[in-house]
Amino acid sequence: MNPQGALFFLLDFAFSVYIFIVLTRFVLQLARADFYNPISQFVLKATNPLLRPMRRVIPGYGGLDIASLVLVIILIILKAVVLLSIQMGGLPSGVGGQLVIYALRELATLILDYVFWTVLIRVILSWVAPDPYNPVVRVIVQITEPIMAPVRKLLPPMGGFDLSPLIVLLGIQLLQILFRLH
């Protein structure tokens, strides 16, 4: 049994989950989602302890929750520092600038992956025809609609088929290839 490996796994998981929750808060505000939804309420309560003090120093700008993005970047850097310290027994010297570049690339990757998976989940949900008032379904629709609606307007009617998710998913894949994020 490797306790160091177990600690690495647990810390990686904990950081990843919290980064996902903070990123969800950013996306919910960006999409102007319903914050009375139980999912949104959970996200608010989970992120408020760290974001509330940050908001006093870092205001929003043009509808963007800059404090949430800054917190995601800080968490990505902190995660890298903690995990590198566990793996290598400390941080190598001169990695400060590299950590910032890594964090920005990771943020871009996370946002694109987030949108990709949310659109894919919405497509799968459309096949199942779930209850449209389900809180999870409502949040997913609210997050993806601002991305899919403009694409839908560009496409001609296809006999009842909505190809906008396919175009969005292809666009995300193209961006990931162009910026070599994967």
N, C-alpha and C. Protein backbone atom coordinates (compact mmCIF):
# COMPACT_ATOMS: atom_id res chain seq x y z
N MET A 1 0.84 -1.18 0.00
CA MET A 1 0.00 0.00 0.00
C MET A 1 0.89 1.25 0.00
N ASN A 2 0.56 2.21 -0.86
CA ASN A 2 1.34 3.42 -1.02
C ASN A 2 0.57 4.61 -0.46
N PRO A 3 0.86 5.05 0.77
CA PRO A 3 0.11 6.17 1.34
C PRO A 3 0.32 7.47 0.57
N GLN A 4 1.52 7.64 -0.01
CA GLN A 4 1.78 8.85 -0.79
C GLN A 4 0.90 8.89 -2.03
N GLY A 5 0.71 7.75 -2.68
CA GLY A 5 -0.16 7.65 -3.86
C GLY A 5 -1.61 7.92 -3.50
N ALA A 6 -2.03 7.41 -2.35
CA ALA A 6 -3.41 7.64 -1.90
C ALA A 6 -3.64 9.11 -1.59
N LEU A 7 -2.67 9.74 -0.92
CA LEU A 7 -2.78 11.17 -0.61
C LEU A 7 -2.81 11.99 -1.89
N PHE A 8 -1.96 11.64 -2.85
CA PHE A 8 -1.94 12.31 -4.15
C PHE A 8 -3.31 12.21 -4.81
N PHE A 9 -3.87 11.02 -4.83
CA PHE A 9 -5.19 10.79 -5.45
C PHE A 9 -6.27 11.63 -4.77
N LEU A 10 -6.31 11.60 -3.43
CA LEU A 10 -7.35 12.34 -2.71
C LEU A 10 -7.23 13.84 -2.90
N LEU A 11 -6.01 14.37 -2.85
CA LEU A 11 -5.82 15.80 -3.05
C LEU A 11 -6.15 16.21 -4.49
N ASP A 12 -5.72 15.41 -5.45
CA ASP A 12 -6.04 15.68 -6.86
C ASP A 12 -7.56 15.70 -7.05
N PHE A 13 -8.24 14.74 -6.48
CA PHE A 13 -9.70 14.66 -6.61
C PHE A 13 -10.37 15.87 -5.94
N ALA A 14 -9.95 16.20 -4.72
CA ALA A 14 -10.56 17.31 -3.98
C ALA A 14 -10.36 18.63 -4.72
N PHE A 15 -9.14 18.89 -5.18
CA PHE A 15 -8.89 20.11 -5.94
C PHE A 15 -9.72 20.14 -7.22
N SER A 16 -9.75 19.03 -7.95
CA SER A 16 -10.48 18.98 -9.22
C SER A 16 -11.97 19.24 -9.02
N VAL A 17 -12.55 18.66 -7.99
CA VAL A 17 -13.98 18.86 -7.73
C VAL A 17 -14.26 20.32 -7.38
N TYR A 18 -13.43 20.90 -6.52
CA TYR A 18 -13.69 22.29 -6.13
C TYR A 18 -13.44 23.26 -7.30
N ILE A 19 -12.43 22.98 -8.11
CA ILE A 19 -12.19 23.80 -9.31
C ILE A 19 -13.41 23.71 -10.22
N PHE A 20 -13.97 22.51 -10.38
CA PHE A 20 -15.17 22.34 -11.20
C PHE A 20 -16.34 23.15 -10.65
N ILE A 21 -16.50 23.15 -9.34
CA ILE A 21 -17.61 23.89 -8.72
C ILE A 21 -17.43 25.39 -8.92
N VAL A 22 -16.22 25.89 -8.73
CA VAL A 22 -15.98 27.33 -8.92
C VAL A 22 -16.15 27.70 -10.40
N LEU A 23 -15.68 26.86 -11.29
CA LEU A 23 -15.87 27.11 -12.72
C LEU A 23 -17.35 27.09 -13.07
N THR A 24 -18.11 26.21 -12.42
CA THR A 24 -19.56 26.17 -12.64
C THR A 24 -20.18 27.49 -12.21
N ARG A 25 -19.72 28.05 -11.12
CA ARG A 25 -20.25 29.34 -10.68
C ARG A 25 -19.99 30.41 -11.74
N PHE A 26 -18.78 30.43 -12.28
CA PHE A 26 -18.47 31.39 -13.34
C PHE A 26 -19.39 31.19 -14.54
N VAL A 27 -19.55 29.95 -14.97
CA VAL A 27 -20.37 29.65 -16.14
C VAL A 27 -21.84 29.98 -15.88
N LEU A 28 -22.34 29.68 -14.69
CA LEU A 28 -23.73 30.01 -14.36
C LEU A 28 -23.97 31.51 -14.43
N GLN A 29 -23.03 32.31 -13.94
CA GLN A 29 -23.19 33.75 -14.01
C GLN A 29 -23.05 34.25 -15.43
N LEU A 30 -22.13 33.66 -16.18
CA LEU A 30 -21.94 34.04 -17.58
C LEU A 30 -23.20 33.75 -18.40
N ALA A 31 -23.83 32.61 -18.13
CA ALA A 31 -25.04 32.21 -18.86
C ALA A 31 -26.31 32.84 -18.28
N ARG A 32 -26.14 33.59 -17.19
CA ARG A 32 -27.28 34.20 -16.50
C ARG A 32 -28.34 33.15 -16.13
N ALA A 33 -27.84 32.07 -15.57
CA ALA A 33 -28.72 30.96 -15.18
C ALA A 33 -29.52 31.34 -13.93
N ASP A 34 -30.57 30.59 -13.69
CA ASP A 34 -31.45 30.81 -12.55
C ASP A 34 -30.71 30.42 -11.27
N PHE A 35 -30.47 31.40 -10.41
CA PHE A 35 -29.74 31.11 -9.18
C PHE A 35 -30.64 30.63 -8.05
N TYR A 36 -31.92 30.44 -8.33
CA TYR A 36 -32.82 29.85 -7.34
C TYR A 36 -32.93 28.34 -7.53
N ASN A 37 -32.33 27.83 -8.57
CA ASN A 37 -32.27 26.40 -8.84
C ASN A 37 -31.45 25.74 -7.73
N PRO A 38 -31.85 24.56 -7.25
CA PRO A 38 -31.10 23.89 -6.18
C PRO A 38 -29.63 23.63 -6.54
N ILE A 39 -29.35 23.34 -7.79
CA ILE A 39 -27.96 23.11 -8.20
C ILE A 39 -27.17 24.42 -8.05
N SER A 40 -27.76 25.51 -8.51
CA SER A 40 -27.11 26.82 -8.40
C SER A 40 -26.92 27.21 -6.94
N GLN A 41 -27.91 26.92 -6.11
CA GLN A 41 -27.80 27.24 -4.69
C GLN A 41 -26.65 26.47 -4.04
N PHE A 42 -26.49 25.20 -4.40
CA PHE A 42 -25.37 24.41 -3.89
C PHE A 42 -24.04 25.05 -4.30
N VAL A 43 -23.93 25.42 -5.58
CA VAL A 43 -22.70 26.03 -6.09
C VAL A 43 -22.41 27.34 -5.35
N LEU A 44 -23.44 28.14 -5.13
CA LEU A 44 -23.26 29.41 -4.41
C LEU A 44 -22.74 29.16 -2.99
N LYS A 45 -23.37 28.23 -2.29
CA LYS A 45 -22.98 27.97 -0.91
C LYS A 45 -21.59 27.36 -0.81
N ALA A 46 -21.22 26.57 -1.80
CA ALA A 46 -19.90 25.93 -1.78
C ALA A 46 -18.78 26.91 -2.12
N THR A 47 -19.09 27.95 -2.88
CA THR A 47 -18.04 28.87 -3.33
C THR A 47 -18.01 30.19 -2.57
N ASN A 48 -19.11 30.56 -1.91
CA ASN A 48 -19.16 31.85 -1.21
C ASN A 48 -18.06 32.06 -0.17
N PRO A 49 -17.69 31.05 0.63
CA PRO A 49 -16.67 31.31 1.64
C PRO A 49 -15.35 31.86 1.07
N LEU A 50 -14.95 31.41 -0.10
CA LEU A 50 -13.71 31.91 -0.69
C LEU A 50 -13.95 33.11 -1.61
N LEU A 51 -15.10 33.15 -2.27
CA LEU A 51 -15.34 34.23 -3.24
C LEU A 51 -15.79 35.53 -2.60
N ARG A 52 -16.53 35.46 -1.53
CA ARG A 52 -17.05 36.69 -0.92
C ARG A 52 -15.91 37.65 -0.55
N PRO A 53 -14.86 37.19 0.17
CA PRO A 53 -13.77 38.13 0.47
C PRO A 53 -13.01 38.58 -0.79
N MET A 54 -12.89 37.71 -1.78
CA MET A 54 -12.18 38.07 -3.01
C MET A 54 -12.92 39.16 -3.78
N ARG A 55 -14.24 39.13 -3.72
CA ARG A 55 -15.04 40.11 -4.45
C ARG A 55 -14.85 41.53 -3.93
N ARG A 56 -14.43 41.66 -2.69
CA ARG A 56 -14.16 43.00 -2.16
C ARG A 56 -12.94 43.62 -2.85
N VAL A 57 -12.04 42.75 -3.28
CA VAL A 57 -10.81 43.22 -3.92
C VAL A 57 -10.90 43.15 -5.44
N ILE A 58 -11.58 42.13 -5.96
CA ILE A 58 -11.66 41.90 -7.40
C ILE A 58 -13.11 42.04 -7.85
N PRO A 59 -13.46 43.18 -8.41
CA PRO A 59 -14.85 43.37 -8.85
C PRO A 59 -15.12 42.65 -10.17
N GLY A 60 -16.40 42.48 -10.47
CA GLY A 60 -16.78 41.92 -11.76
C GLY A 60 -16.55 42.96 -12.85
N TYR A 61 -16.54 42.51 -14.09
CA TYR A 61 -16.34 43.42 -15.20
C TYR A 61 -17.19 42.99 -16.38
N GLY A 62 -18.12 43.83 -16.81
CA GLY A 62 -18.94 43.54 -17.98
C GLY A 62 -19.74 42.25 -17.87
N GLY A 63 -20.25 41.95 -16.70
CA GLY A 63 -21.03 40.73 -16.52
C GLY A 63 -20.19 39.50 -16.25
N LEU A 64 -18.87 39.64 -16.27
CA LEU A 64 -17.98 38.51 -15.99
C LEU A 64 -17.61 38.53 -14.52
N ASP A 65 -17.65 37.37 -13.91
CA ASP A 65 -17.27 37.22 -12.51
C ASP A 65 -15.77 36.97 -12.46
N ILE A 66 -15.00 38.04 -12.46
CA ILE A 66 -13.55 37.94 -12.52
C ILE A 66 -13.00 37.23 -11.28
N ALA A 67 -13.60 37.45 -10.13
CA ALA A 67 -13.13 36.80 -8.90
C ALA A 67 -13.18 35.28 -9.03
N SER A 68 -14.22 34.76 -9.67
CA SER A 68 -14.32 33.30 -9.86
C SER A 68 -13.19 32.79 -10.75
N LEU A 69 -12.90 33.53 -11.82
CA LEU A 69 -11.81 33.10 -12.70
C LEU A 69 -10.47 33.16 -11.99
N VAL A 70 -10.25 34.22 -11.22
CA VAL A 70 -9.00 34.34 -10.47
C VAL A 70 -8.89 33.20 -9.47
N LEU A 71 -10.00 32.87 -8.80
CA LEU A 71 -9.98 31.76 -7.85
C LEU A 71 -9.67 30.44 -8.55
N VAL A 72 -10.22 30.22 -9.73
CA VAL A 72 -9.91 29.00 -10.48
C VAL A 72 -8.42 28.95 -10.79
N ILE A 73 -7.85 30.06 -11.23
CA ILE A 73 -6.42 30.10 -11.55
C ILE A 73 -5.58 29.84 -10.30
N ILE A 74 -5.96 30.46 -9.19
CA ILE A 74 -5.23 30.24 -7.93
C ILE A 74 -5.32 28.77 -7.52
N LEU A 75 -6.51 28.18 -7.65
CA LEU A 75 -6.67 26.77 -7.28
C LEU A 75 -5.87 25.84 -8.18
N ILE A 76 -5.81 26.17 -9.47
CA ILE A 76 -5.02 25.35 -10.41
C ILE A 76 -3.54 25.41 -10.03
N ILE A 77 -3.05 26.61 -9.72
CA ILE A 77 -1.65 26.77 -9.32
C ILE A 77 -1.39 26.05 -8.00
N LEU A 78 -2.28 26.23 -7.05
CA LEU A 78 -2.13 25.57 -5.74
C LEU A 78 -2.14 24.05 -5.89
N LYS A 79 -3.03 23.56 -6.72
CA LYS A 79 -3.10 22.11 -6.98
C LYS A 79 -1.77 21.63 -7.56
N ALA A 80 -1.25 22.35 -8.54
CA ALA A 80 0.02 21.95 -9.16
C ALA A 80 1.16 21.96 -8.14
N VAL A 81 1.20 23.01 -7.31
CA VAL A 81 2.25 23.12 -6.31
C VAL A 81 2.17 21.96 -5.30
N VAL A 82 0.97 21.72 -4.80
CA VAL A 82 0.80 20.65 -3.81
C VAL A 82 1.14 19.29 -4.41
N LEU A 83 0.63 19.00 -5.61
CA LEU A 83 0.87 17.69 -6.20
C LEU A 83 2.33 17.51 -6.62
N LEU A 84 2.95 18.58 -7.13
CA LEU A 84 4.38 18.48 -7.46
C LEU A 84 5.22 18.28 -6.20
N SER A 85 4.83 18.94 -5.13
CA SER A 85 5.56 18.79 -3.87
C SER A 85 5.46 17.36 -3.35
N ILE A 86 4.31 16.75 -3.50
CA ILE A 86 4.14 15.37 -3.06
C ILE A 86 4.96 14.43 -3.94
N GLN A 87 4.90 14.65 -5.25
CA GLN A 87 5.61 13.76 -6.18
C GLN A 87 7.11 13.90 -6.10
N MET A 88 7.58 15.15 -6.00
CA MET A 88 9.01 15.40 -6.12
C MET A 88 9.67 15.73 -4.78
N GLY A 89 8.87 15.80 -3.72
CA GLY A 89 9.43 16.14 -2.42
C GLY A 89 9.76 17.62 -2.29
N GLY A 90 9.20 18.43 -3.13
CA GLY A 90 9.43 19.87 -3.12
C GLY A 90 9.30 20.42 -4.52
N LEU A 91 9.32 21.72 -4.62
CA LEU A 91 9.20 22.36 -5.93
C LEU A 91 10.58 22.65 -6.52
N PRO A 92 10.75 22.37 -7.81
CA PRO A 92 12.00 22.78 -8.45
C PRO A 92 12.08 24.31 -8.50
N SER A 93 13.27 24.85 -8.53
CA SER A 93 13.41 26.31 -8.55
C SER A 93 13.05 26.85 -9.92
N GLY A 94 12.54 28.09 -9.93
CA GLY A 94 12.23 28.78 -11.18
C GLY A 94 10.99 28.30 -11.90
N VAL A 95 10.01 27.76 -11.18
CA VAL A 95 8.79 27.29 -11.84
C VAL A 95 7.64 28.29 -11.74
N GLY A 96 7.88 29.45 -11.12
CA GLY A 96 6.80 30.42 -10.92
C GLY A 96 6.12 30.85 -12.20
N GLY A 97 6.90 31.31 -13.16
CA GLY A 97 6.34 31.75 -14.45
C GLY A 97 5.69 30.60 -15.20
N GLN A 98 6.31 29.44 -15.11
CA GLN A 98 5.75 28.27 -15.78
C GLN A 98 4.41 27.88 -15.18
N LEU A 99 4.25 28.06 -13.87
CA LEU A 99 2.98 27.74 -13.22
C LEU A 99 1.85 28.64 -13.70
N VAL A 100 2.15 29.91 -13.91
CA VAL A 100 1.13 30.84 -14.40
C VAL A 100 0.71 30.47 -15.81
N ILE A 101 1.68 30.17 -16.68
CA ILE A 101 1.35 29.75 -18.06
C ILE A 101 0.58 28.45 -18.03
N TYR A 102 1.01 27.51 -17.19
CA TYR A 102 0.30 26.24 -17.04
C TYR A 102 -1.14 26.48 -16.61
N ALA A 103 -1.33 27.37 -15.62
CA ALA A 103 -2.67 27.64 -15.09
C ALA A 103 -3.57 28.24 -16.16
N LEU A 104 -3.05 29.15 -16.98
CA LEU A 104 -3.87 29.76 -18.04
C LEU A 104 -4.24 28.73 -19.11
N ARG A 105 -3.29 27.88 -19.47
CA ARG A 105 -3.60 26.81 -20.44
C ARG A 105 -4.62 25.83 -19.86
N GLU A 106 -4.44 25.51 -18.59
CA GLU A 106 -5.36 24.59 -17.92
C GLU A 106 -6.76 25.20 -17.83
N LEU A 107 -6.84 26.50 -17.56
CA LEU A 107 -8.13 27.19 -17.51
C LEU A 107 -8.82 27.12 -18.87
N ALA A 108 -8.08 27.40 -19.93
CA ALA A 108 -8.66 27.31 -21.28
C ALA A 108 -9.14 25.89 -21.58
N THR A 109 -8.33 24.91 -21.22
CA THR A 109 -8.72 23.51 -21.42
C THR A 109 -9.97 23.17 -20.62
N LEU A 110 -10.01 23.60 -19.36
CA LEU A 110 -11.17 23.31 -18.51
C LEU A 110 -12.45 23.93 -19.07
N ILE A 111 -12.36 25.17 -19.51
CA ILE A 111 -13.56 25.83 -20.05
C ILE A 111 -14.05 25.12 -21.30
N LEU A 112 -13.14 24.79 -22.21
CA LEU A 112 -13.55 24.09 -23.44
C LEU A 112 -14.10 22.71 -23.12
N ASP A 113 -13.44 21.98 -22.23
CA ASP A 113 -13.94 20.66 -21.83
C ASP A 113 -15.30 20.77 -21.14
N TYR A 114 -15.45 21.79 -20.32
CA TYR A 114 -16.71 22.02 -19.61
C TYR A 114 -17.85 22.20 -20.61
N VAL A 115 -17.63 23.08 -21.58
CA VAL A 115 -18.67 23.34 -22.59
C VAL A 115 -18.92 22.08 -23.41
N PHE A 116 -17.86 21.39 -23.80
CA PHE A 116 -18.00 20.17 -24.60
C PHE A 116 -18.89 19.16 -23.88
N TRP A 117 -18.56 18.87 -22.62
CA TRP A 117 -19.31 17.84 -21.90
C TRP A 117 -20.75 18.29 -21.58
N THR A 118 -20.94 19.58 -21.34
CA THR A 118 -22.31 20.05 -21.05
C THR A 118 -23.17 19.92 -22.30
N VAL A 119 -22.62 20.29 -23.45
CA VAL A 119 -23.37 20.15 -24.70
C VAL A 119 -23.65 18.67 -24.97
N LEU A 120 -22.65 17.82 -24.77
CA LEU A 120 -22.84 16.39 -24.99
C LEU A 120 -23.91 15.82 -24.05
N ILE A 121 -23.89 16.23 -22.80
CA ILE A 121 -24.92 15.77 -21.85
C ILE A 121 -26.30 16.26 -22.30
N ARG A 122 -26.37 17.49 -22.80
CA ARG A 122 -27.66 17.99 -23.28
C ARG A 122 -28.16 17.17 -24.46
N VAL A 123 -27.26 16.79 -25.35
CA VAL A 123 -27.65 15.95 -26.50
C VAL A 123 -28.20 14.62 -26.01
N ILE A 124 -27.49 13.99 -25.08
CA ILE A 124 -27.94 12.69 -24.56
C ILE A 124 -29.28 12.85 -23.85
N LEU A 125 -29.43 13.92 -23.07
CA LEU A 125 -30.71 14.16 -22.39
C LEU A 125 -31.85 14.35 -23.40
N SER A 126 -31.55 14.95 -24.54
CA SER A 126 -32.61 15.16 -25.54
C SER A 126 -33.11 13.83 -26.11
N TRP A 127 -32.26 12.81 -26.09
CA TRP A 127 -32.68 11.49 -26.57
C TRP A 127 -33.59 10.81 -25.56
N VAL A 128 -33.38 11.11 -24.28
CA VAL A 128 -34.12 10.45 -23.21
C VAL A 128 -35.43 11.18 -22.91
N ALA A 129 -35.51 12.44 -23.27
CA ALA A 129 -36.68 13.29 -23.00
C ALA A 129 -37.01 13.34 -21.51
N PRO A 130 -36.09 13.91 -20.71
CA PRO A 130 -36.34 13.99 -19.27
C PRO A 130 -37.33 15.09 -18.93
N ASP A 131 -37.70 15.14 -17.68
CA ASP A 131 -38.59 16.19 -17.18
C ASP A 131 -37.90 17.54 -17.36
N PRO A 132 -38.49 18.46 -18.14
CA PRO A 132 -37.83 19.75 -18.37
C PRO A 132 -37.73 20.62 -17.12
N TYR A 133 -38.45 20.26 -16.06
CA TYR A 133 -38.40 21.03 -14.82
C TYR A 133 -37.40 20.46 -13.82
N ASN A 134 -36.73 19.37 -14.20
CA ASN A 134 -35.69 18.81 -13.35
C ASN A 134 -34.58 19.84 -13.20
N PRO A 135 -34.10 20.10 -11.98
CA PRO A 135 -33.08 21.14 -11.78
C PRO A 135 -31.80 20.94 -12.59
N VAL A 136 -31.36 19.70 -12.72
CA VAL A 136 -30.14 19.43 -13.49
C VAL A 136 -30.37 19.74 -14.97
N VAL A 137 -31.50 19.31 -15.50
CA VAL A 137 -31.82 19.56 -16.90
C VAL A 137 -31.91 21.06 -17.16
N ARG A 138 -32.55 21.77 -16.28
CA ARG A 138 -32.70 23.23 -16.45
C ARG A 138 -31.35 23.93 -16.45
N VAL A 139 -30.47 23.54 -15.54
CA VAL A 139 -29.15 24.17 -15.49
C VAL A 139 -28.36 23.87 -16.77
N ILE A 140 -28.41 22.64 -17.22
CA ILE A 140 -27.67 22.28 -18.44
C ILE A 140 -28.20 23.05 -19.64
N VAL A 141 -29.51 23.17 -19.75
CA VAL A 141 -30.09 23.95 -20.86
C VAL A 141 -29.68 25.42 -20.73
N GLN A 142 -29.73 25.97 -19.53
CA GLN A 142 -29.38 27.38 -19.34
C GLN A 142 -27.90 27.63 -19.64
N ILE A 143 -27.05 26.68 -19.36
CA ILE A 143 -25.62 26.84 -19.64
C ILE A 143 -25.33 26.73 -21.13
N THR A 144 -25.98 25.80 -21.81
CA THR A 144 -25.66 25.54 -23.21
C THR A 144 -26.41 26.43 -24.21
N GLU A 145 -27.56 26.92 -23.83
CA GLU A 145 -28.37 27.69 -24.78
C GLU A 145 -27.66 28.94 -25.32
N PRO A 146 -26.95 29.72 -24.50
CA PRO A 146 -26.26 30.88 -25.06
C PRO A 146 -25.21 30.53 -26.11
N ILE A 147 -24.71 29.31 -26.09
CA ILE A 147 -23.72 28.88 -27.08
C ILE A 147 -24.42 28.31 -28.31
N MET A 148 -25.48 27.54 -28.08
CA MET A 148 -26.14 26.85 -29.18
C MET A 148 -27.11 27.74 -29.96
N ALA A 149 -27.73 28.71 -29.33
CA ALA A 149 -28.73 29.55 -30.01
C ALA A 149 -28.15 30.31 -31.21
N PRO A 150 -26.98 30.96 -31.07
CA PRO A 150 -26.43 31.66 -32.24
C PRO A 150 -26.10 30.70 -33.40
N VAL A 151 -25.62 29.52 -33.06
CA VAL A 151 -25.30 28.53 -34.10
C VAL A 151 -26.59 28.06 -34.77
N ARG A 152 -27.63 27.87 -33.98
CA ARG A 152 -28.92 27.44 -34.51
C ARG A 152 -29.48 28.45 -35.51
N LYS A 153 -29.24 29.73 -35.24
CA LYS A 153 -29.73 30.78 -36.14
C LYS A 153 -29.00 30.76 -37.48
N LEU A 154 -27.74 30.33 -37.48
CA LEU A 154 -26.96 30.29 -38.72
C LEU A 154 -27.33 29.11 -39.62
N LEU A 155 -27.82 28.04 -39.00
CA LEU A 155 -28.14 26.83 -39.77
C LEU A 155 -29.54 26.91 -40.36
N PRO A 156 -29.70 26.46 -41.58
CA PRO A 156 -31.06 26.40 -42.13
C PRO A 156 -31.86 25.28 -41.46
N PRO A 157 -33.19 25.34 -41.47
CA PRO A 157 -34.00 24.26 -40.89
C PRO A 157 -33.66 22.92 -41.54
N MET A 158 -33.53 21.89 -40.72
CA MET A 158 -33.12 20.56 -41.20
C MET A 158 -34.20 19.52 -40.96
N GLY A 159 -35.43 19.87 -41.15
CA GLY A 159 -36.51 18.89 -41.01
C GLY A 159 -36.67 18.37 -39.60
N GLY A 160 -36.54 19.23 -38.62
CA GLY A 160 -36.74 18.81 -37.23
C GLY A 160 -35.47 18.40 -36.51
N PHE A 161 -34.35 18.33 -37.22
CA PHE A 161 -33.08 17.97 -36.60
C PHE A 161 -32.33 19.23 -36.21
N ASP A 162 -31.82 19.25 -34.99
CA ASP A 162 -31.03 20.37 -34.51
C ASP A 162 -29.56 19.97 -34.59
N LEU A 163 -28.86 20.53 -35.55
CA LEU A 163 -27.45 20.20 -35.73
C LEU A 163 -26.52 21.16 -34.99
N SER A 164 -27.08 22.11 -34.26
CA SER A 164 -26.24 23.07 -33.56
C SER A 164 -25.30 22.41 -32.55
N PRO A 165 -25.72 21.37 -31.81
CA PRO A 165 -24.76 20.73 -30.90
C PRO A 165 -23.56 20.14 -31.63
N LEU A 166 -23.81 19.56 -32.80
CA LEU A 166 -22.72 18.98 -33.58
C LEU A 166 -21.73 20.06 -34.00
N ILE A 167 -22.23 21.20 -34.46
CA ILE A 167 -21.37 22.30 -34.88
C ILE A 167 -20.58 22.84 -33.68
N VAL A 168 -21.24 22.99 -32.54
CA VAL A 168 -20.56 23.48 -31.33
C VAL A 168 -19.47 22.49 -30.90
N LEU A 169 -19.78 21.21 -30.88
CA LEU A 169 -18.80 20.20 -30.48
C LEU A 169 -17.60 20.18 -31.44
N LEU A 170 -17.88 20.29 -32.74
CA LEU A 170 -16.79 20.35 -33.71
C LEU A 170 -15.96 21.61 -33.53
N GLY A 171 -16.62 22.73 -33.25
CA GLY A 171 -15.91 23.98 -33.02
C GLY A 171 -14.98 23.89 -31.81
N ILE A 172 -15.45 23.26 -30.75
CA ILE A 172 -14.63 23.09 -29.55
C ILE A 172 -13.42 22.21 -29.86
N GLN A 173 -13.65 21.13 -30.58
CA GLN A 173 -12.54 20.25 -30.95
C GLN A 173 -11.53 20.99 -31.82
N LEU A 174 -12.02 21.82 -32.74
CA LEU A 174 -11.14 22.60 -33.60
C LEU A 174 -10.29 23.57 -32.77
N LEU A 175 -10.92 24.26 -31.82
CA LEU A 175 -10.17 25.17 -30.95
C LEU A 175 -9.11 24.43 -30.15
N GLN A 176 -9.45 23.26 -29.66
CA GLN A 176 -8.48 22.48 -28.88
C GLN A 176 -7.30 22.05 -29.75
N ILE A 177 -7.58 21.72 -31.00
CA ILE A 177 -6.49 21.32 -31.92
C ILE A 177 -5.65 22.55 -32.28
N LEU A 178 -6.29 23.66 -32.61
CA LEU A 178 -5.57 24.86 -32.99
C LEU A 178 -4.66 25.37 -31.88
N PHE A 179 -5.14 25.32 -30.66
CA PHE A 179 -4.35 25.81 -29.52
C PHE A 179 -3.61 24.69 -28.81
N ARG A 180 -3.69 23.49 -29.37
CA ARG A 180 -3.01 22.31 -28.80
C ARG A 180 -3.23 22.21 -27.29
N LEU A 181 -4.51 22.22 -26.91
CA LEU A 181 -4.86 22.15 -25.50
C LEU A 181 -4.99 20.72 -25.01
N HIS A 182 -4.94 19.77 -25.90
CA HIS A 182 -4.99 18.35 -25.47
C HIS A 182 -3.79 17.62 -25.99
